[in-house]
């Protein structure tokens, strides 16, 4: 089931029930986190942010797997080799793009999509359906280019 319009916050309890899932305290917290986060998160990042909600790592892992199985969450292979997760677009169509600073690791979502037309051509030419893509560009952000900018420690 597609999410409601992007301008409003997701009613996590209703969304879970509409998709055949129980609305436990931990699940509600995870869905709200994913709904309000503008960039994909690793399982470890989700777990770290959910500790206050009483979610252990196994709970986070199992619930994200359920959401992926139901096509409600998308797994994203990140440019740094990590696997991240994000809630599917509210219109049900997934292809998010990001610009990532190689120095400070700041992530900026990119709204434009230059690949969509190419994706449609490939689908028609090769007979595929349900094609999706993700795009990540990396560079050095303006703040990190300034003389004397400190190089932060790499995040793990």
Protein backbone atom coordinates (compact mmCIF):
# COMPACT_ATOMS: atom_id res chain seq x y z
CA UNK A 1 0.00 0.00 0.00
CA UNK A 2 1.35 3.43 -0.88
CA UNK A 3 2.03 6.01 1.76
CA UNK A 4 -0.13 9.13 2.11
CA UNK A 5 0.82 12.46 0.51
CA UNK A 6 4.40 13.56 1.23
CA UNK A 7 3.41 16.82 2.90
CA UNK A 8 2.02 15.21 6.02
CA UNK A 9 3.60 12.96 8.61
CA UNK A 10 2.83 9.31 8.36
CA UNK A 11 0.25 7.92 10.81
CA UNK A 12 2.51 4.99 11.72
CA UNK A 13 -0.13 2.94 13.55
CA UNK A 14 -2.66 3.14 10.71
CA UNK A 15 0.03 2.52 8.09
CA UNK A 16 1.22 -0.62 9.88
CA UNK A 17 -2.31 -1.97 10.31
CA UNK A 18 -3.20 -1.17 6.66
CA UNK A 19 -0.21 -3.24 5.63
CA UNK A 20 -1.18 -6.19 7.85
CA UNK A 21 1.32 -5.53 10.64
CA UNK A 22 0.91 -5.16 14.39
CA UNK A 23 1.57 -1.68 15.74
CA UNK A 24 3.87 -2.36 18.70
CA UNK A 25 5.74 0.44 20.48
CA UNK A 26 9.05 -0.51 18.86
CA UNK A 27 7.60 -0.86 15.39
CA UNK A 28 5.89 2.52 15.69
CA UNK A 29 9.18 4.13 16.72
CA UNK A 30 11.07 2.56 13.79
CA UNK A 31 8.46 3.60 11.23
CA UNK A 32 8.40 7.16 12.59
CA UNK A 33 12.19 7.31 12.44
CA UNK A 34 12.28 6.09 8.83
CA UNK A 35 9.48 8.49 7.89
CA UNK A 36 11.27 11.53 9.29
CA UNK A 37 14.82 10.69 8.16
CA UNK A 38 15.87 12.25 4.86
CA UNK A 39 18.67 9.74 4.20
CA UNK A 40 18.86 5.93 4.37
CA UNK A 41 20.09 4.44 7.66
CA UNK A 42 22.14 1.34 8.45
CA UNK A 43 20.65 -1.25 10.78
CA UNK A 44 23.18 -0.13 13.40
CA UNK A 45 22.06 3.51 13.07
CA UNK A 46 18.41 2.50 13.39
CA UNK A 47 19.26 0.40 16.45
CA UNK A 48 21.25 3.23 18.04
CA UNK A 49 18.36 5.66 17.59
CA UNK A 50 15.82 3.09 18.87
CA UNK A 51 17.53 2.15 22.13
CA UNK A 52 15.24 4.48 24.06
CA UNK A 53 12.23 2.70 22.57
CA UNK A 54 13.47 -0.63 23.96
CA UNK A 55 14.38 -2.17 20.59
CA UNK A 56 17.26 -4.61 20.60
CA UNK A 57 19.25 -5.24 17.42
CA UNK A 58 17.41 -8.50 16.65
CA UNK A 59 14.06 -6.68 16.77
CA UNK A 60 15.31 -3.97 14.40
CA UNK A 61 16.78 -6.60 12.04
CA UNK A 62 13.61 -8.73 11.95
CA UNK A 63 11.24 -5.78 11.53
CA UNK A 64 13.26 -4.18 8.73
CA UNK A 65 13.34 -7.59 6.99
CA UNK A 66 9.53 -7.77 7.25
CA UNK A 67 9.17 -4.24 5.84
CA UNK A 68 11.51 -5.14 2.95
CA UNK A 69 9.56 -8.32 2.23
CA UNK A 70 6.35 -6.26 2.01
CA UNK A 71 8.12 -3.71 -0.25
CA UNK A 72 7.55 -0.95 2.30
CA UNK A 73 11.26 -0.32 2.91
CA UNK A 74 13.98 -0.23 0.28
CA UNK A 75 17.50 -1.60 0.80
CA UNK A 76 20.13 0.77 -0.61
CA UNK A 77 23.73 -0.24 -1.38
CA UNK A 78 25.60 2.87 -0.23
CA UNK A 79 28.64 4.33 -1.93
CA UNK A 80 30.83 3.46 1.09
CA UNK A 81 29.90 -0.22 0.89
CA UNK A 82 27.32 -0.19 3.69
CA UNK A 83 23.75 -1.37 3.28
CA UNK A 84 21.14 1.17 4.30
CA UNK A 85 17.37 1.24 4.52
CA UNK A 86 14.76 3.85 3.75
CA UNK A 87 11.02 3.94 3.64
CA UNK A 88 9.65 3.78 0.10
CA UNK A 89 8.54 7.00 -1.53
CA UNK A 90 5.06 8.05 -0.56
CA UNK A 91 3.92 7.63 -4.15
CA UNK A 92 5.17 4.03 -4.10
CA UNK A 93 7.86 4.78 -6.70
CA UNK A 94 11.40 4.42 -5.46
CA UNK A 95 14.47 6.09 -6.75
CA UNK A 96 16.21 8.47 -4.44
CA UNK A 97 19.42 10.24 -5.28
CA UNK A 98 22.07 11.60 -2.93
CA UNK A 99 25.15 13.80 -2.96
CA UNK A 100 27.66 12.69 -0.30
CA UNK A 101 30.70 14.61 0.92
CA UNK A 102 33.76 12.35 0.95
CA UNK A 103 35.30 14.38 3.77
CA UNK A 104 32.56 15.07 6.35
CA UNK A 105 30.03 12.48 5.06
CA UNK A 106 27.21 15.05 4.88
CA UNK A 107 24.39 13.69 2.72
CA UNK A 108 22.13 15.88 0.62
CA UNK A 109 19.11 14.43 -1.18
CA UNK A 110 18.94 15.29 -4.91
CA UNK A 111 15.41 15.87 -6.16
CA UNK A 112 16.12 15.84 -9.91
CA UNK A 113 16.21 12.56 -11.83
CA UNK A 114 18.12 12.36 -15.09
CA UNK A 115 18.00 8.56 -15.23
CA UNK A 116 14.21 8.04 -15.35
CA UNK A 117 13.91 8.38 -19.16
CA UNK A 118 16.86 6.02 -19.69
CA UNK A 119 15.27 3.54 -17.26
CA UNK A 120 12.02 3.55 -19.30
CA UNK A 121 13.95 2.98 -22.55
CA UNK A 122 15.86 0.02 -21.09
CA UNK A 123 12.65 -1.51 -19.71
CA UNK A 124 10.93 -1.31 -23.10
CA UNK A 125 13.96 -2.52 -25.06
CA UNK A 126 14.65 -5.53 -22.83
CA UNK A 127 11.12 -6.34 -21.68
CA UNK A 128 11.71 -5.69 -17.99
CA UNK A 129 9.05 -4.47 -15.57
CA UNK A 130 9.42 -2.81 -12.20
CA UNK A 131 12.87 -1.35 -12.87
CA UNK A 132 14.20 0.94 -10.16
CA UNK A 133 17.49 2.64 -9.51
CA UNK A 134 19.41 4.64 -6.97
CA UNK A 135 22.10 7.20 -7.63
CA UNK A 136 24.79 8.45 -5.29
CA UNK A 137 27.35 11.05 -6.21
CA UNK A 138 30.32 11.86 -4.01
CA UNK A 139 32.49 14.94 -3.80
CA UNK A 140 33.82 17.45 -1.29
CA UNK A 141 31.23 19.88 0.10
CA UNK A 142 31.83 23.67 0.19
CA UNK A 143 32.49 23.69 3.96
CA UNK A 144 35.19 21.02 3.64
CA UNK A 145 36.86 22.93 0.78
CA UNK A 146 37.48 26.00 2.96
CA UNK A 147 41.09 26.55 3.98
CA UNK A 148 41.73 25.20 7.45
CA UNK A 149 38.64 22.97 7.45
CA UNK A 150 39.08 20.14 9.92
CA UNK A 151 38.86 16.62 8.58
CA UNK A 152 36.43 14.72 10.80
CA UNK A 153 37.06 11.17 11.86
CA UNK A 154 35.49 8.57 9.61
CA UNK A 155 32.16 7.27 10.78
CA UNK A 156 31.90 3.56 11.27
